[in-house]
């Protein structure tokens, strides 16, 4: 599990239309957008407590090149 102080809930839409909801460790950043636009962001995002259409997995690993949009979940 990741430290709650570095975790943000998000919703991600992938190029194939799949929607993924879960939590992402944004490290030292306060906002999801700051982390995603940083040079420190990995090529693959590890989404914890993930849920997506037709599946509920604990962890989903997403290639950043397939992200159409991402938004913090309220």
C-alpha atoms as a PDB file:
ATOM      1  CA  UNK A   1       0.000   0.000   0.000  1.00  0.00           C
ATOM      2  CA  UNK A   2       1.145   3.560  -0.555  1.00  0.00           C
ATOM      3  CA  UNK A   3       1.463   6.369   1.957  1.00  0.00           C
ATOM      4  CA  UNK A   4      -1.812   8.301   2.141  1.00  0.00           C
ATOM      5  CA  UNK A   5       0.000  11.649   2.136  1.00  0.00           C
ATOM      6  CA  UNK A   6       1.314  10.980  -1.398  1.00  0.00           C
ATOM      7  CA  UNK A   7      -1.802   9.341  -2.781  1.00  0.00           C
ATOM      8  CA  UNK A   8      -4.419  10.947  -4.986  1.00  0.00           C
ATOM      9  CA  UNK A   9      -7.567   9.389  -6.407  1.00  0.00           C
ATOM     10  CA  UNK A  10      -7.944   9.722 -10.152  1.00  0.00           C
ATOM     11  CA  UNK A  11      -9.924   8.710 -13.219  1.00  0.00           C
ATOM     12  CA  UNK A  12      -8.026   7.877 -16.422  1.00  0.00           C
ATOM     13  CA  UNK A  13      -9.418   7.342 -19.925  1.00  0.00           C
ATOM     14  CA  UNK A  14      -7.277   5.167 -22.196  1.00  0.00           C
ATOM     15  CA  UNK A  15      -7.016   5.348 -25.987  1.00  0.00           C
ATOM     16  CA  UNK A  16      -9.234   2.278 -26.378  1.00  0.00           C
ATOM     17  CA  UNK A  17     -12.010   3.921 -24.348  1.00  0.00           C
ATOM     18  CA  UNK A  18     -11.386   2.037 -21.100  1.00  0.00           C
ATOM     19  CA  UNK A  19     -11.971   4.102 -17.951  1.00  0.00           C
ATOM     20  CA  UNK A  20      -9.778   3.313 -14.931  1.00  0.00           C
ATOM     21  CA  UNK A  21     -10.443   4.648 -11.424  1.00  0.00           C
ATOM     22  CA  UNK A  22      -7.966   4.245  -8.597  1.00  0.00           C
ATOM     23  CA  UNK A  23      -5.123   5.816  -6.622  1.00  0.00           C
ATOM     24  CA  UNK A  24      -1.724   7.025  -7.793  1.00  0.00           C
ATOM     25  CA  UNK A  25       1.367   7.891  -5.758  1.00  0.00           C
ATOM     26  CA  UNK A  26       2.199  11.432  -6.906  1.00  0.00           C
ATOM     27  CA  UNK A  27       5.362  11.500  -4.796  1.00  0.00           C
ATOM     28  CA  UNK A  28       6.351  15.006  -3.687  1.00  0.00           C
ATOM     29  CA  UNK A  29       3.757  16.808  -5.815  1.00  0.00           C
ATOM     30  CA  UNK A  30       0.535  18.359  -4.522  1.00  0.00           C
ATOM     31  CA  UNK A  31      -1.427  18.068  -7.759  1.00  0.00           C
ATOM     32  CA  UNK A  32      -1.941  15.241 -10.233  1.00  0.00           C
ATOM     33  CA  UNK A  33      -1.175  17.547 -13.169  1.00  0.00           C
ATOM     34  CA  UNK A  34       2.164  18.571 -11.647  1.00  0.00           C
ATOM     35  CA  UNK A  35       3.200  14.930 -11.307  1.00  0.00           C
ATOM     36  CA  UNK A  36       2.044  13.896 -14.794  1.00  0.00           C
ATOM     37  CA  UNK A  37       3.878  16.835 -16.390  1.00  0.00           C
ATOM     38  CA  UNK A  38       7.088  16.313 -14.399  1.00  0.00           C
ATOM     39  CA  UNK A  39      10.247  14.673 -15.698  1.00  0.00           C
ATOM     40  CA  UNK A  40      10.094  12.324 -12.679  1.00  0.00           C
ATOM     41  CA  UNK A  41       6.879  10.652 -13.789  1.00  0.00           C
ATOM     42  CA  UNK A  42       7.528   7.103 -14.935  1.00  0.00           C
ATOM     43  CA  UNK A  43       6.684   5.858 -18.452  1.00  0.00           C
ATOM     44  CA  UNK A  44       4.242   3.452 -16.805  1.00  0.00           C
ATOM     45  CA  UNK A  45       1.783   4.569 -14.129  1.00  0.00           C
ATOM     46  CA  UNK A  46       0.927   2.134 -11.357  1.00  0.00           C
ATOM     47  CA  UNK A  47      -2.700   2.601 -10.316  1.00  0.00           C
ATOM     48  CA  UNK A  48      -3.595   1.076  -6.933  1.00  0.00           C
ATOM     49  CA  UNK A  49      -7.080   0.045  -5.743  1.00  0.00           C
ATOM     50  CA  UNK A  50      -8.036   0.113  -9.419  1.00  0.00           C
ATOM     51  CA  UNK A  51     -11.452  -0.455 -10.941  1.00  0.00           C
ATOM     52  CA  UNK A  52     -12.182  -0.452 -14.665  1.00  0.00           C
ATOM     53  CA  UNK A  53     -15.006  -1.464 -16.938  1.00  0.00           C
ATOM     54  CA  UNK A  54     -15.789  -5.131 -16.334  1.00  0.00           C
ATOM     55  CA  UNK A  55     -12.983  -5.658 -13.818  1.00  0.00           C
ATOM     56  CA  UNK A  56     -11.896  -4.695 -10.327  1.00  0.00           C
ATOM     57  CA  UNK A  57      -8.180  -5.306  -9.816  1.00  0.00           C
ATOM     58  CA  UNK A  58      -5.904  -4.262  -7.020  1.00  0.00           C
ATOM     59  CA  UNK A  59      -3.212  -2.888  -9.335  1.00  0.00           C
ATOM     60  CA  UNK A  60      -3.254  -1.739 -12.971  1.00  0.00           C
ATOM     61  CA  UNK A  61      -0.099  -0.622 -14.800  1.00  0.00           C
ATOM     62  CA  UNK A  62      -0.764   1.875 -17.594  1.00  0.00           C
ATOM     63  CA  UNK A  63       1.525   3.011 -20.404  1.00  0.00           C
ATOM     64  CA  UNK A  64       1.399   6.830 -20.364  1.00  0.00           C
ATOM     65  CA  UNK A  65       1.271   6.895 -24.191  1.00  0.00           C
ATOM     66  CA  UNK A  66      -2.243   5.410 -24.040  1.00  0.00           C
ATOM     67  CA  UNK A  67      -3.731   8.059 -21.738  1.00  0.00           C
ATOM     68  CA  UNK A  68      -6.296  10.289 -23.451  1.00  0.00           C
ATOM     69  CA  UNK A  69      -7.156  12.229 -20.289  1.00  0.00           C
ATOM     70  CA  UNK A  70      -6.737  12.000 -16.523  1.00  0.00           C
ATOM     71  CA  UNK A  71      -8.535  13.901 -13.789  1.00  0.00           C
ATOM     72  CA  UNK A  72      -8.508  13.888  -9.990  1.00  0.00           C
ATOM     73  CA  UNK A  73     -11.532  12.097  -8.544  1.00  0.00           C
ATOM     74  CA  UNK A  74     -13.471  14.070  -5.960  1.00  0.00           C
END
